[in-house]
PDB file of N, CA and C in Angstrom:
ATOM      1  N   MET A   1       0.687  -1.347   0.019  1.00  0.00           N
ATOM      2  CA  MET A   1      -0.273   0.319  -0.263  1.00  0.00           C
ATOM      3  C   MET A   1       0.940   1.350  -0.210  1.00  0.00           C
ATOM      4  N   LYS A   2       1.846   1.344   0.844  1.00  0.00           N
ATOM      5  CA  LYS A   2       2.670   2.234   0.689  1.00  0.00           C
ATOM      6  C   LYS A   2       3.553   2.436  -0.400  1.00  0.00           C
ATOM      7  N   ARG A   3       3.741   1.636  -1.281  1.00  0.00           N
ATOM      8  CA  ARG A   3       4.289   1.731  -2.682  1.00  0.00           C
ATOM      9  C   ARG A   3       3.348   3.160  -3.876  1.00  0.00           C
ATOM     10  N   TYR A   4       1.740   2.469  -3.506  1.00  0.00           N
ATOM     11  CA  TYR A   4       1.298   2.934  -4.321  1.00  0.00           C
ATOM     12  C   TYR A   4       0.838   4.424  -4.018  1.00  0.00           C
ATOM     13  N   LYS A   5       0.819   5.112  -2.751  1.00  0.00           N
ATOM     14  CA  LYS A   5       0.561   6.570  -2.028  1.00  0.00           C
ATOM     15  C   LYS A   5       2.503   7.355  -2.698  1.00  0.00           C
ATOM     16  N   LEU A   6       3.098   6.488  -3.098  1.00  0.00           N
ATOM     17  CA  LEU A   6       4.204   7.223  -2.609  1.00  0.00           C
ATOM     18  C   LEU A   6       4.287   7.540  -4.282  1.00  0.00           C
ATOM     19  N   ILE A   7       3.840   6.723  -5.286  1.00  0.00           N
ATOM     20  CA  ILE A   7       3.607   5.874  -7.098  1.00  0.00           C
ATOM     21  C   ILE A   7       2.968   7.298  -7.029  1.00  0.00           C
ATOM     22  N   ASN A   8       1.734   7.721  -5.842  1.00  0.00           N
ATOM     23  CA  ASN A   8       0.374   8.671  -6.440  1.00  0.00           C
ATOM     24  C   ASN A   8       0.851  10.251  -5.839  1.00  0.00           C
ATOM     25  N   LEU A   9       2.087  10.271  -5.053  1.00  0.00           N
ATOM     26  CA  LEU A   9       2.371  11.242  -4.437  1.00  0.00           C
ATOM     27  C   LEU A   9       3.616  11.727  -5.863  1.00  0.00           C
ATOM     28  N   LEU A  10       4.707  11.040  -6.646  1.00  0.00           N
ATOM     29  CA  LEU A  10       5.122  11.635  -6.704  1.00  0.00           C
ATOM     30  C   LEU A  10       4.193  11.843  -8.518  1.00  0.00           C
ATOM     31  N   ARG A  11       3.329  11.027  -8.403  1.00  0.00           N
ATOM     32  CA  ARG A  11       2.851  11.759 -10.112  1.00  0.00           C
ATOM     33  C   ARG A  11       1.898  13.044  -9.219  1.00  0.00           C
ATOM     34  N   GLU A  12       1.535  13.045  -8.867  1.00  0.00           N
ATOM     35  CA  GLU A  12       0.682  14.648  -7.934  1.00  0.00           C
ATOM     36  C   GLU A  12       1.880  15.724  -8.509  1.00  0.00           C
ATOM     37  N   ASP A  13       2.817  15.063  -7.815  1.00  0.00           N
ATOM     38  CA  ASP A  13       4.051  16.059  -7.773  1.00  0.00           C
ATOM     39  C   ASP A  13       4.775  16.686  -9.172  1.00  0.00           C
ATOM     40  N   GLU A  14       4.009  15.230 -10.223  1.00  0.00           N
ATOM     41  CA  GLU A  14       4.996  15.850 -11.847  1.00  0.00           C
ATOM     42  C   GLU A  14       3.692  16.641 -12.314  1.00  0.00           C
ATOM     43  N   GLU A  15       2.464  16.356 -12.121  1.00  0.00           N
ATOM     44  CA  GLU A  15       1.310  16.777 -12.678  1.00  0.00           C
ATOM     45  C   GLU A  15       1.330  19.066 -12.410  1.00  0.00           C
ATOM     46  N   LYS A  16       1.909  18.736 -11.098  1.00  0.00           N
ATOM     47  CA  LYS A  16       2.102  20.204 -10.262  1.00  0.00           C
ATOM     48  C   LYS A  16       3.069  21.048 -11.133  1.00  0.00           C
ATOM     49  N   LYS A  17       4.447  20.090 -11.858  1.00  0.00           N
ATOM     50  CA  LYS A  17       4.931  20.958 -12.356  1.00  0.00           C
ATOM     51  C   LYS A  17       4.945  21.010 -13.511  1.00  0.00           C
ATOM     52  N   GLU A  18       3.609  20.283 -14.363  1.00  0.00           N
ATOM     53  CA  GLU A  18       3.342  20.389 -15.755  1.00  0.00           C
ATOM     54  C   GLU A  18       2.500  21.850 -15.809  1.00  0.00           C
ATOM     55  N   LYS A  19       1.736  22.041 -14.539  1.00  0.00           N
ATOM     56  CA  LYS A  19       0.665  22.733 -14.258  1.00  0.00           C
ATOM     57  C   LYS A  19       1.419  24.016 -14.815  1.00  0.00           C
ATOM     58  N   LYS A  20       2.526  24.646 -13.851  1.00  0.00           N
ATOM     59  CA  LYS A  20       3.644  25.145 -13.828  1.00  0.00           C
ATOM     60  C   LYS A  20       4.037  25.502 -15.078  1.00  0.00           C
ATOM     61  N   ILE A  21       4.443  24.976 -15.703  1.00  0.00           N
ATOM     62  CA  ILE A  21       5.035  24.846 -17.422  1.00  0.00           C
ATOM     63  C   ILE A  21       4.257  25.579 -17.918  1.00  0.00           C
ATOM     64  N   ALA A  22       2.516  24.748 -18.303  1.00  0.00           N
ATOM     65  CA  ALA A  22       1.684  24.520 -19.440  1.00  0.00           C
ATOM     66  C   ALA A  22       1.255  26.326 -18.904  1.00  0.00           C
ATOM     67  N   GLY A  23       1.376  27.371 -17.912  1.00  0.00           N
ATOM     68  CA  GLY A  23       0.831  28.414 -18.200  1.00  0.00           C
ATOM     69  C   GLY A  23       2.019  29.718 -19.250  1.00  0.00           C
ATOM     70  N   PRO A  24       2.720  28.958 -19.365  1.00  0.00           N
ATOM     71  CA  PRO A  24       3.436  30.504 -19.810  1.00  0.00           C
ATOM     72  C   PRO A  24       3.545  29.965 -21.252  1.00  0.00           C
ATOM     73  N   LEU A  25       3.181  28.382 -21.437  1.00  0.00           N
ATOM     74  CA  LEU A  25       3.179  27.710 -23.515  1.00  0.00           C
ATOM     75  C   LEU A  25       1.882  28.189 -23.489  1.00  0.00           C
ATOM     76  N   LYS A  26       1.010  28.694 -22.544  1.00  0.00           N
ATOM     77  CA  LYS A  26      -0.358  29.564 -22.987  1.00  0.00           C
ATOM     78  C   LYS A  26      -0.572  30.825 -23.135  1.00  0.00           C
ATOM     79  N   THR A  27       0.712  31.391 -22.931  1.00  0.00           N
ATOM     80  CA  THR A  27       0.882  32.658 -22.567  1.00  0.00           C
ATOM     81  C   THR A  27       1.448  33.213 -24.007  1.00  0.00           C
ATOM     82  N   ILE A  28       2.522  32.317 -24.521  1.00  0.00           N
ATOM     83  CA  ILE A  28       3.185  32.540 -25.555  1.00  0.00           C
ATOM     84  C   ILE A  28       2.735  32.152 -26.470  1.00  0.00           C
ATOM     85  N   SER A  29       1.657  31.251 -26.801  1.00  0.00           N
ATOM     86  CA  SER A  29       0.771  30.331 -27.640  1.00  0.00           C
ATOM     87  C   SER A  29      -0.550  32.360 -27.874  1.00  0.00           C
ATOM     88  N   LYS A  30      -1.202  32.372 -26.934  1.00  0.00           N
ATOM     89  CA  LYS A  30      -1.670  33.553 -26.778  1.00  0.00           C
ATOM     90  C   LYS A  30      -0.983  34.678 -27.577  1.00  0.00           C
ATOM     91  N   ASP A  31       0.033  34.965 -27.058  1.00  0.00           N
ATOM     92  CA  ASP A  31       0.888  36.245 -28.072  1.00  0.00           C
ATOM     93  C   ASP A  31       1.024  35.906 -29.284  1.00  0.00           C
ATOM     94  N   LEU A  32       0.916  34.710 -29.940  1.00  0.00           N
ATOM     95  CA  LEU A  32       1.269  34.241 -30.896  1.00  0.00           C
ATOM     96  C   LEU A  32       0.229  33.999 -32.089  1.00  0.00           C
ATOM     97  N   GLU A  33      -1.068  34.381 -30.905  1.00  0.00           N
ATOM     98  CA  GLU A  33      -2.479  34.194 -31.668  1.00  0.00           C
ATOM     99  C   GLU A  33      -2.160  34.726 -33.092  1.00  0.00           C
ATOM    100  N   ASP A  34      -1.994  36.849 -32.564  1.00  0.00           N
ATOM    101  CA  ASP A  34      -2.483  37.544 -33.518  1.00  0.00           C
ATOM    102  C   ASP A  34      -1.351  37.692 -34.867  1.00  0.00           C
ATOM    103  N   GLN A  35      -0.407  36.660 -34.528  1.00  0.00           N
ATOM    104  CA  GLN A  35       0.335  36.473 -35.729  1.00  0.00           C
ATOM    105  C   GLN A  35      -0.603  35.153 -36.695  1.00  0.00           C
ATOM    106  N   GLU A  36      -1.264  35.043 -36.868  1.00  0.00           N
ATOM    107  CA  GLU A  36      -1.450  33.950 -37.288  1.00  0.00           C
ATOM    108  C   GLU A  36      -1.155  33.940 -39.079  1.00  0.00           C
ATOM    109  N   GLN A  37      -1.541  34.699 -39.476  1.00  0.00           N
ATOM    110  CA  GLN A  37      -1.482  34.852 -40.969  1.00  0.00           C
ATOM    111  C   GLN A  37      -0.020  35.331 -41.436  1.00  0.00           C
ATOM    112  N   ASN A  38       0.876  36.235 -40.149  1.00  0.00           N
ATOM    113  CA  ASN A  38       2.401  35.470 -40.511  1.00  0.00           C
ATOM    114  C   ASN A  38       2.579  34.046 -40.732  1.00  0.00           C
ATOM    115  N   PHE A  39       1.905  33.112 -40.183  1.00  0.00           N
ATOM    116  CA  PHE A  39       2.780  32.335 -40.563  1.00  0.00           C
ATOM    117  C   PHE A  39       2.241  31.436 -41.771  1.00  0.00           C
ATOM    118  N   LYS A  40       1.223  31.588 -42.052  1.00  0.00           N
ATOM    119  CA  LYS A  40       0.482  31.670 -43.267  1.00  0.00           C
ATOM    120  C   LYS A  40       1.875  31.440 -44.728  1.00  0.00           C
ATOM    121  N   ILE A  41       2.693  32.336 -44.539  1.00  0.00           N
ATOM    122  CA  ILE A  41       3.327  32.438 -44.929  1.00  0.00           C
ATOM    123  C   ILE A  41       5.051  31.516 -45.096  1.00  0.00           C
ATOM    124  N   ILE A  42       4.993  30.745 -44.412  1.00  0.00           N
ATOM    125  CA  ILE A  42       5.909  29.452 -44.390  1.00  0.00           C
ATOM    126  C   ILE A  42       5.057  27.919 -44.445  1.00  0.00           C
ATOM    127  N   LYS A  43       6.076  28.228 -46.061  1.00  0.00           N
ATOM    128  CA  LYS A  43       5.606  27.151 -46.998  1.00  0.00           C
ATOM    129  C   LYS A  43       6.106  26.214 -47.817  1.00  0.00           C
ATOM    130  N   THR A  44       7.672  26.874 -47.773  1.00  0.00           N
ATOM    131  CA  THR A  44       8.939  25.899 -47.280  1.00  0.00           C
ATOM    132  C   THR A  44       9.961  25.408 -46.675  1.00  0.00           C
ATOM    133  N   LYS A  45      10.532  24.761 -47.088  1.00  0.00           N
ATOM    134  CA  LYS A  45      11.936  23.901 -45.839  1.00  0.00           C
ATOM    135  C   LYS A  45      12.889  25.076 -45.436  1.00  0.00           C
ATOM    136  N   ASP A  46      13.299  26.447 -46.130  1.00  0.00           N
ATOM    137  CA  ASP A  46      14.233  27.463 -45.949  1.00  0.00           C
ATOM    138  C   ASP A  46      13.842  28.161 -45.055  1.00  0.00           C
ATOM    139  N   LYS A  47      12.031  28.584 -45.123  1.00  0.00           N
ATOM    140  CA  LYS A  47      11.140  28.716 -44.621  1.00  0.00           C
ATOM    141  C   LYS A  47      10.632  29.192 -42.751  1.00  0.00           C
ATOM    142  N   LEU A  48      10.674  27.854 -43.057  1.00  0.00           N
ATOM    143  CA  LEU A  48      10.513  26.849 -41.725  1.00  0.00           C
ATOM    144  C   LEU A  48      11.781  27.064 -41.256  1.00  0.00           C
ATOM    145  N   VAL A  49      12.630  26.488 -41.520  1.00  0.00           N
ATOM    146  CA  VAL A  49      13.939  26.186 -40.938  1.00  0.00           C
ATOM    147  C   VAL A  49      14.394  27.794 -39.921  1.00  0.00           C
ATOM    148  N   SER A  50      14.250  29.043 -41.269  1.00  0.00           N
ATOM    149  CA  SER A  50      14.322  30.212 -40.300  1.00  0.00           C
ATOM    150  C   SER A  50      13.365  30.186 -39.657  1.00  0.00           C
ATOM    151  N   PHE A  51      12.563  30.176 -39.386  1.00  0.00           N
ATOM    152  CA  PHE A  51      11.273  30.809 -38.144  1.00  0.00           C
ATOM    153  C   PHE A  51      12.121  29.803 -36.238  1.00  0.00           C
ATOM    154  N   LEU A  52      12.792  27.895 -36.989  1.00  0.00           N
ATOM    155  CA  LEU A  52      12.446  27.645 -35.952  1.00  0.00           C
ATOM    156  C   LEU A  52      14.359  27.881 -35.589  1.00  0.00           C
ATOM    157  N   ASP A  53      14.769  28.093 -35.997  1.00  0.00           N
ATOM    158  CA  ASP A  53      16.021  28.850 -35.764  1.00  0.00           C
ATOM    159  C   ASP A  53      15.853  30.148 -35.071  1.00  0.00           C
ATOM    160  N   LEU A  54      14.930  31.339 -35.282  1.00  0.00           N
ATOM    161  CA  LEU A  54      14.744  31.900 -34.605  1.00  0.00           C
ATOM    162  C   LEU A  54      14.194  31.398 -33.535  1.00  0.00           C
ATOM    163  N   MET A  55      13.076  30.468 -33.032  1.00  0.00           N
ATOM    164  CA  MET A  55      12.696  30.206 -31.953  1.00  0.00           C
ATOM    165  C   MET A  55      13.753  29.579 -31.158  1.00  0.00           C
ATOM    166  N   VAL A  56      14.613  28.768 -31.139  1.00  0.00           N
ATOM    167  CA  VAL A  56      15.608  27.946 -31.100  1.00  0.00           C
ATOM    168  C   VAL A  56      16.241  28.982 -30.141  1.00  0.00           C
ATOM    169  N   GLY A  57      16.514  30.326 -31.304  1.00  0.00           N
ATOM    170  CA  GLY A  57      17.200  31.407 -30.734  1.00  0.00           C
ATOM    171  C   GLY A  57      16.813  31.772 -28.888  1.00  0.00           C
ATOM    172  N   LYS A  58      15.465  31.799 -28.316  1.00  0.00           N
ATOM    173  CA  LYS A  58      14.908  32.526 -27.774  1.00  0.00           C
ATOM    174  C   LYS A  58      15.016  31.371 -26.693  1.00  0.00           C
ATOM    175  N   LEU A  59      15.520  30.425 -26.709  1.00  0.00           N
ATOM    176  CA  LEU A  59      15.492  29.343 -25.898  1.00  0.00           C
ATOM    177  C   LEU A  59      16.739  29.545 -24.904  1.00  0.00           C
ATOM    178  N   ASP A  60      16.849  28.384 -23.590  1.00  0.00           N
ATOM    179  CA  ASP A  60      18.110  29.035 -22.412  1.00  0.00           C
ATOM    180  C   ASP A  60      19.252  28.378 -22.942  1.00  0.00           C
ATOM    181  N   PRO A  61      20.654  28.774 -23.267  1.00  0.00           N
ATOM    182  CA  PRO A  61      21.370  28.232 -24.108  1.00  0.00           C
ATOM    183  C   PRO A  61      22.304  26.512 -23.158  1.00  0.00           C
ATOM    184  N   LYS A  62      21.759  26.924 -21.524  1.00  0.00           N
ATOM    185  CA  LYS A  62      22.020  25.629 -21.598  1.00  0.00           C
ATOM    186  C   LYS A  62      20.843  24.804 -21.638  1.00  0.00           C
ATOM    187  N   PHE A  63      19.464  25.081 -21.587  1.00  0.00           N
ATOM    188  CA  PHE A  63      18.747  23.587 -22.646  1.00  0.00           C
ATOM    189  C   PHE A  63      19.178  22.752 -24.147  1.00  0.00           C
ATOM    190  N   LYS A  64      20.146  24.422 -24.546  1.00  0.00           N
ATOM    191  CA  LYS A  64      20.112  24.033 -25.675  1.00  0.00           C
ATOM    192  C   LYS A  64      20.845  22.747 -26.414  1.00  0.00           C
ATOM    193  N   GLU A  65      22.098  22.911 -25.074  1.00  0.00           N
ATOM    194  CA  GLU A  65      22.949  22.104 -25.345  1.00  0.00           C
ATOM    195  C   GLU A  65      22.672  20.822 -24.460  1.00  0.00           C
ATOM    196  N   SER A  66      21.981  20.889 -24.230  1.00  0.00           N
ATOM    197  CA  SER A  66      21.180  19.674 -23.127  1.00  0.00           C
ATOM    198  C   SER A  66      20.998  18.197 -24.150  1.00  0.00           C
ATOM    199  N   GLN A  67      20.805  16.907 -23.544  1.00  0.00           N
ATOM    200  CA  GLN A  67      20.262  16.480 -24.209  1.00  0.00           C
ATOM    201  C   GLN A  67      19.677  15.959 -24.078  1.00  0.00           C
ATOM    202  N   ALA A  68      18.042  16.590 -23.376  1.00  0.00           N
ATOM    203  CA  ALA A  68      16.758  17.085 -23.565  1.00  0.00           C
ATOM    204  C   ALA A  68      16.407  17.194 -24.516  1.00  0.00           C
ATOM    205  N   PHE A  69      17.189  18.533 -25.206  1.00  0.00           N
ATOM    206  CA  PHE A  69      16.978  19.585 -26.357  1.00  0.00           C
ATOM    207  C   PHE A  69      16.844  18.306 -27.385  1.00  0.00           C
ATOM    208  N   LYS A  70      18.056  17.511 -27.568  1.00  0.00           N
ATOM    209  CA  LYS A  70      18.337  16.585 -28.463  1.00  0.00           C
ATOM    210  C   LYS A  70      16.635  15.778 -28.585  1.00  0.00           C
ATOM    211  N   GLN A  71      16.607  15.432 -27.598  1.00  0.00           N
ATOM    212  CA  GLN A  71      14.948  13.899 -27.599  1.00  0.00           C
ATOM    213  C   GLN A  71      14.498  15.078 -27.425  1.00  0.00           C
ATOM    214  N   ALA A  72      14.377  16.376 -27.238  1.00  0.00           N
ATOM    215  CA  ALA A  72      12.663  17.256 -28.168  1.00  0.00           C
ATOM    216  C   ALA A  72      12.656  17.324 -29.260  1.00  0.00           C
ATOM    217  N   ILE A  73      13.128  17.233 -29.989  1.00  0.00           N
ATOM    218  CA  ILE A  73      13.774  17.662 -31.235  1.00  0.00           C
ATOM    219  C   ILE A  73      13.646  16.509 -32.567  1.00  0.00           C
ATOM    220  N   LEU A  74      14.032  15.131 -31.533  1.00  0.00           N
ATOM    221  CA  LEU A  74      13.699  13.591 -31.856  1.00  0.00           C
ATOM    222  C   LEU A  74      12.101  12.973 -32.477  1.00  0.00           C
ATOM    223  N   SER A  75      11.621  13.765 -30.513  1.00  0.00           N
ATOM    224  CA  SER A  75      10.378  13.076 -30.592  1.00  0.00           C
ATOM    225  C   SER A  75       9.070  14.527 -31.212  1.00  0.00           C
ATOM    226  N   PHE A  76       9.796  15.735 -31.152  1.00  0.00           N
ATOM    227  CA  PHE A  76       9.229  16.315 -32.837  1.00  0.00           C
ATOM    228  C   PHE A  76       8.770  15.680 -33.697  1.00  0.00           C
ATOM    229  N   TYR A  77       9.974  15.505 -34.701  1.00  0.00           N
ATOM    230  CA  TYR A  77      10.019  15.223 -36.056  1.00  0.00           C
ATOM    231  C   TYR A  77       9.281  13.673 -35.717  1.00  0.00           C
ATOM    232  N   LYS A  78       9.856  13.206 -35.062  1.00  0.00           N
ATOM    233  CA  LYS A  78       9.153  11.703 -35.229  1.00  0.00           C
ATOM    234  C   LYS A  78       7.547  11.880 -35.205  1.00  0.00           C
ATOM    235  N   LYS A  79       6.936  12.899 -34.160  1.00  0.00           N
ATOM    236  CA  LYS A  79       5.328  13.457 -33.721  1.00  0.00           C
ATOM    237  C   LYS A  79       4.763  13.731 -35.156  1.00  0.00           C
ATOM    238  N   HIS A  80       6.109  14.689 -36.382  1.00  0.00           N
ATOM    239  CA  HIS A  80       5.385  14.868 -37.585  1.00  0.00           C
ATOM    240  C   HIS A  80       5.799  14.270 -38.723  1.00  0.00           C
ATOM    241  N   LYS A  81       6.822  13.817 -38.455  1.00  0.00           N
ATOM    242  CA  LYS A  81       7.091  12.624 -39.998  1.00  0.00           C
ATOM    243  C   LYS A  81       6.377  12.267 -40.591  1.00  0.00           C
TER     244      LYS A  81
END
Protein backbone atom coordinates (compact mmCIF):
# COMPACT_ATOMS: atom_id res chain seq x y z
CA MET A 1 0.00 0.00 0.00
CA LYS A 2 2.86 2.40 0.76
CA ARG A 3 4.22 1.86 -2.72
CA TYR A 4 0.95 3.06 -4.28
CA LYS A 5 0.94 6.15 -2.05
CA LEU A 6 4.47 6.97 -3.15
CA ILE A 7 3.56 6.49 -6.80
CA ASN A 8 0.52 8.75 -6.38
CA LEU A 9 2.61 11.41 -4.63
CA LEU A 10 5.17 11.32 -7.43
CA ARG A 11 2.41 11.52 -10.03
CA GLU A 12 0.80 14.49 -8.25
CA ASP A 13 4.18 16.26 -8.03
CA GLU A 14 4.73 15.74 -11.76
CA GLU A 15 1.23 17.08 -12.53
CA LYS A 16 1.96 20.21 -10.47
CA LYS A 17 5.19 20.78 -12.41
CA GLU A 18 3.33 20.37 -15.71
CA LYS A 19 0.70 22.92 -14.65
CA LYS A 20 3.43 25.45 -13.78
CA ILE A 21 4.97 25.00 -17.22
CA ALA A 22 1.62 25.03 -19.03
CA GLY A 23 0.87 28.60 -17.92
CA PRO A 24 3.83 30.23 -19.69
CA LEU A 25 3.27 28.08 -22.79
CA LYS A 26 -0.34 29.23 -22.95
CA THR A 27 0.84 32.82 -22.67
CA ILE A 28 3.29 32.34 -25.55
CA SER A 29 0.56 30.70 -27.62
CA LYS A 30 -1.82 33.61 -27.00
CA ASP A 31 0.91 36.09 -27.92
CA LEU A 32 1.35 34.31 -31.25
CA GLU A 33 -2.37 34.20 -32.09
CA ASP A 34 -2.32 37.69 -33.58
CA GLN A 35 0.48 36.56 -35.93
CA GLU A 36 -1.60 33.83 -37.57
CA GLN A 37 -1.48 35.50 -41.00
CA ASN A 38 2.30 35.72 -40.83
CA PHE A 39 2.58 32.01 -40.11
CA LYS A 40 0.75 31.27 -43.36
CA ILE A 41 3.72 32.53 -45.40
CA ILE A 42 5.84 29.65 -44.07
CA LYS A 43 5.45 27.24 -46.95
CA THR A 44 9.00 26.15 -47.74
CA LYS A 45 11.68 24.19 -45.94
CA ASP A 46 13.99 27.21 -45.81
CA LYS A 47 11.35 29.48 -44.28
CA LEU A 48 10.45 26.87 -41.68
CA VAL A 49 14.09 26.29 -40.77
CA SER A 50 14.60 30.06 -40.43
CA PHE A 51 11.56 30.33 -38.19
CA LEU A 52 12.65 27.38 -36.05
CA ASP A 53 16.14 28.91 -35.75
CA LEU A 54 14.54 32.10 -34.42
CA MET A 55 12.51 30.11 -31.89
CA VAL A 56 15.51 28.06 -30.74
CA GLY A 57 17.47 31.29 -30.42
CA LYS A 58 15.06 32.37 -27.68
CA LEU A 59 15.65 29.25 -25.56
CA ASP A 60 17.99 28.96 -22.59
CA PRO A 61 21.50 28.28 -23.98
CA LYS A 62 22.11 25.57 -21.37
CA PHE A 63 18.94 23.78 -22.46
CA LYS A 64 19.97 23.96 -26.13
CA GLU A 65 23.19 22.12 -25.26
CA SER A 66 21.41 19.45 -23.24
CA GLN A 67 20.44 15.92 -24.14
CA ALA A 68 16.83 16.84 -23.32
CA PHE A 69 16.84 19.38 -26.18
CA LYS A 70 18.09 16.77 -28.64
CA GLN A 71 15.47 14.30 -27.44
CA ALA A 72 12.75 16.94 -27.78
CA ILE A 73 13.79 17.69 -31.37
CA LEU A 74 13.76 13.98 -32.22
CA SER A 75 10.35 13.54 -30.57
CA PHE A 76 9.00 16.49 -32.53
CA TYR A 77 10.35 15.02 -35.76
CA LYS A 78 8.87 11.59 -35.06
CA LYS A 79 5.53 13.14 -34.18
CA HIS A 80 5.30 15.13 -37.41
CA LYS A 81 7.04 12.92 -39.96
